[in-house]
Every structure is written in C-alpha cells, then in structure tokens.
C-alpha cells in the first residue's frame, strides 16, 4: 500500500531510515548494551548462522 509515495507495508516504526537505526543503536548503548550485543540484535546472529550453514 502506498501512502504519499512510500510503501508503508514495508516500513517498521523507528527503522524507516538510517538515522532512526543509528538512534536505536545509541539508545541500546545508553542502556549499557555491549557492542557485541548490539551487533547481535542488528542481525549478527543471522549472519553467523548463515555463514556456518553455507560453508
């Protein structure tokens, strides 16, 4: 579904652009999440599993 020229069906509140993702990362760090945890939250676990499966 389009709303003002953008595909609203594919947007997640708080993640619709790069600046919002950076803001989310900043908030995680302010809550004392480690760099490792932040990477995992942002998809590091998926990348690790895929790299192990696709060997």
N, C-alpha and C. Protein backbone atom coordinates (compact mmCIF):
# COMPACT_ATOMS: atom_id res chain seq x y z
N UNK A 1 0.84 -1.17 0.00
CA UNK A 1 0.00 0.00 0.00
C UNK A 1 0.89 1.24 0.00
N UNK A 2 0.56 2.19 -0.84
CA UNK A 2 1.34 3.42 -0.92
C UNK A 2 0.67 4.55 -0.15
N UNK A 3 1.47 5.32 0.55
CA UNK A 3 0.99 6.47 1.29
C UNK A 3 1.98 7.61 1.05
N UNK A 4 1.56 8.61 0.31
CA UNK A 4 2.44 9.73 -0.03
C UNK A 4 3.72 9.27 -0.74
N UNK A 5 3.59 8.28 -1.59
CA UNK A 5 4.73 7.84 -2.38
C UNK A 5 5.67 6.86 -1.72
N UNK A 6 5.35 6.39 -0.54
CA UNK A 6 6.22 5.40 0.10
C UNK A 6 5.43 4.13 0.39
N UNK A 7 6.11 3.05 0.44
CA UNK A 7 5.50 1.74 0.66
C UNK A 7 5.37 1.51 2.15
N UNK A 8 4.21 1.81 2.73
CA UNK A 8 4.01 1.70 4.17
C UNK A 8 3.99 0.24 4.64
N UNK A 9 3.71 -0.67 3.76
CA UNK A 9 3.67 -2.07 4.14
C UNK A 9 5.03 -2.65 4.46
N UNK A 10 6.09 -1.95 4.13
CA UNK A 10 7.44 -2.47 4.36
C UNK A 10 8.21 -1.68 5.41
N UNK A 11 7.63 -0.69 6.00
CA UNK A 11 8.31 0.15 6.99
C UNK A 11 8.00 -0.35 8.40
N UNK A 12 8.98 -0.27 9.26
CA UNK A 12 8.79 -0.56 10.68
C UNK A 12 9.03 0.73 11.43
N UNK A 13 8.10 1.10 12.31
CA UNK A 13 8.27 2.33 13.08
C UNK A 13 9.63 2.32 13.77
N UNK A 14 10.38 3.40 13.60
CA UNK A 14 11.68 3.52 14.20
C UNK A 14 12.82 2.99 13.36
N UNK A 15 12.49 2.37 12.22
CA UNK A 15 13.51 1.81 11.33
C UNK A 15 13.26 2.18 9.88
N UNK A 16 12.64 3.30 9.63
CA UNK A 16 12.30 3.66 8.26
C UNK A 16 13.44 4.35 7.52
N UNK A 17 14.49 4.73 8.25
CA UNK A 17 15.66 5.32 7.59
C UNK A 17 16.90 5.10 8.45
N UNK A 18 18.05 5.37 7.87
CA UNK A 18 19.33 5.10 8.52
C UNK A 18 19.48 5.88 9.83
N UNK A 19 19.02 7.11 9.86
CA UNK A 19 19.15 7.94 11.07
C UNK A 19 18.39 7.32 12.24
N UNK A 20 17.24 6.72 11.97
CA UNK A 20 16.47 6.09 13.03
C UNK A 20 17.17 4.84 13.56
N UNK A 21 17.83 4.11 12.69
CA UNK A 21 18.60 2.94 13.13
C UNK A 21 19.76 3.39 14.02
N UNK A 22 20.44 4.46 13.62
CA UNK A 22 21.53 4.98 14.45
C UNK A 22 21.01 5.43 15.82
N UNK A 23 19.83 6.03 15.85
CA UNK A 23 19.22 6.45 17.10
C UNK A 23 18.93 5.24 17.99
N UNK A 24 18.42 4.15 17.39
CA UNK A 24 18.15 2.92 18.12
C UNK A 24 19.44 2.36 18.72
N UNK A 25 20.51 2.35 17.93
CA UNK A 25 21.81 1.86 18.41
C UNK A 25 22.29 2.70 19.59
N UNK A 26 22.16 4.01 19.48
CA UNK A 26 22.56 4.92 20.55
C UNK A 26 21.79 4.63 21.83
N UNK A 27 20.48 4.38 21.70
CA UNK A 27 19.66 4.08 22.88
C UNK A 27 20.07 2.76 23.53
N UNK A 28 20.40 1.76 22.71
CA UNK A 28 20.87 0.49 23.27
C UNK A 28 22.15 0.69 24.06
N UNK A 29 23.08 1.46 23.50
CA UNK A 29 24.35 1.71 24.18
C UNK A 29 24.15 2.49 25.47
N UNK A 30 23.22 3.44 25.47
CA UNK A 30 22.93 4.20 26.69
C UNK A 30 22.33 3.31 27.77
N UNK A 31 21.73 2.19 27.36
CA UNK A 31 21.18 1.22 28.32
C UNK A 31 22.20 0.13 28.65
N UNK A 32 23.45 0.40 28.34
CA UNK A 32 24.59 -0.46 28.70
C UNK A 32 24.66 -1.77 27.93
N UNK A 33 24.07 -1.82 26.74
CA UNK A 33 24.27 -2.98 25.89
C UNK A 33 25.69 -2.91 25.34
N UNK A 34 26.36 -4.05 25.32
CA UNK A 34 27.73 -4.08 24.78
C UNK A 34 27.69 -3.99 23.26
N UNK A 35 28.85 -3.69 22.69
CA UNK A 35 28.96 -3.63 21.22
C UNK A 35 28.60 -4.99 20.62
N UNK A 36 29.01 -6.06 21.29
CA UNK A 36 28.69 -7.42 20.81
C UNK A 36 27.19 -7.66 20.82
N UNK A 37 26.52 -7.26 21.90
CA UNK A 37 25.07 -7.43 21.98
C UNK A 37 24.35 -6.61 20.91
N UNK A 38 24.81 -5.39 20.69
CA UNK A 38 24.19 -4.53 19.67
C UNK A 38 24.31 -5.18 18.30
N UNK A 39 25.48 -5.72 18.00
CA UNK A 39 25.68 -6.39 16.70
C UNK A 39 24.76 -7.59 16.56
N UNK A 40 24.59 -8.34 17.64
CA UNK A 40 23.69 -9.50 17.60
C UNK A 40 22.25 -9.05 17.35
N UNK A 41 21.83 -8.02 18.05
CA UNK A 41 20.47 -7.51 17.89
C UNK A 41 20.23 -7.05 16.46
N UNK A 42 21.24 -6.46 15.84
CA UNK A 42 21.10 -5.93 14.49
C UNK A 42 21.29 -6.98 13.40
N UNK A 43 21.36 -8.23 13.77
CA UNK A 43 21.40 -9.27 12.75
C UNK A 43 22.65 -10.13 12.75
N UNK A 44 23.56 -9.88 13.66
CA UNK A 44 24.78 -10.66 13.71
C UNK A 44 24.54 -12.15 13.89
N UNK A 45 23.53 -12.50 14.65
CA UNK A 45 23.24 -13.93 14.84
C UNK A 45 22.83 -14.58 13.53
N UNK A 46 22.02 -13.90 12.73
CA UNK A 46 21.62 -14.45 11.42
C UNK A 46 22.83 -14.63 10.52
N UNK A 47 23.70 -13.64 10.49
CA UNK A 47 24.89 -13.73 9.65
C UNK A 47 25.79 -14.88 10.09
N UNK A 48 25.92 -15.07 11.40
CA UNK A 48 26.75 -16.16 11.92
C UNK A 48 26.18 -17.51 11.50
N UNK A 49 24.88 -17.69 11.68
CA UNK A 49 24.24 -18.96 11.31
C UNK A 49 24.37 -19.20 9.81
N UNK A 50 24.08 -18.19 9.01
CA UNK A 50 24.17 -18.36 7.55
C UNK A 50 25.59 -18.72 7.13
N UNK A 51 26.59 -18.07 7.74
CA UNK A 51 27.97 -18.36 7.35
C UNK A 51 28.36 -19.79 7.72
N UNK A 52 27.82 -20.31 8.82
CA UNK A 52 28.13 -21.68 9.22
C UNK A 52 27.41 -22.69 8.33
N UNK A 53 26.18 -22.39 7.96
CA UNK A 53 25.38 -23.30 7.15
C UNK A 53 25.89 -23.34 5.71
N UNK A 54 26.33 -22.21 5.20
CA UNK A 54 26.72 -22.11 3.79
C UNK A 54 28.18 -22.49 3.52
N UNK A 55 28.87 -23.04 4.51
CA UNK A 55 30.28 -23.44 4.31
C UNK A 55 30.40 -24.54 3.30
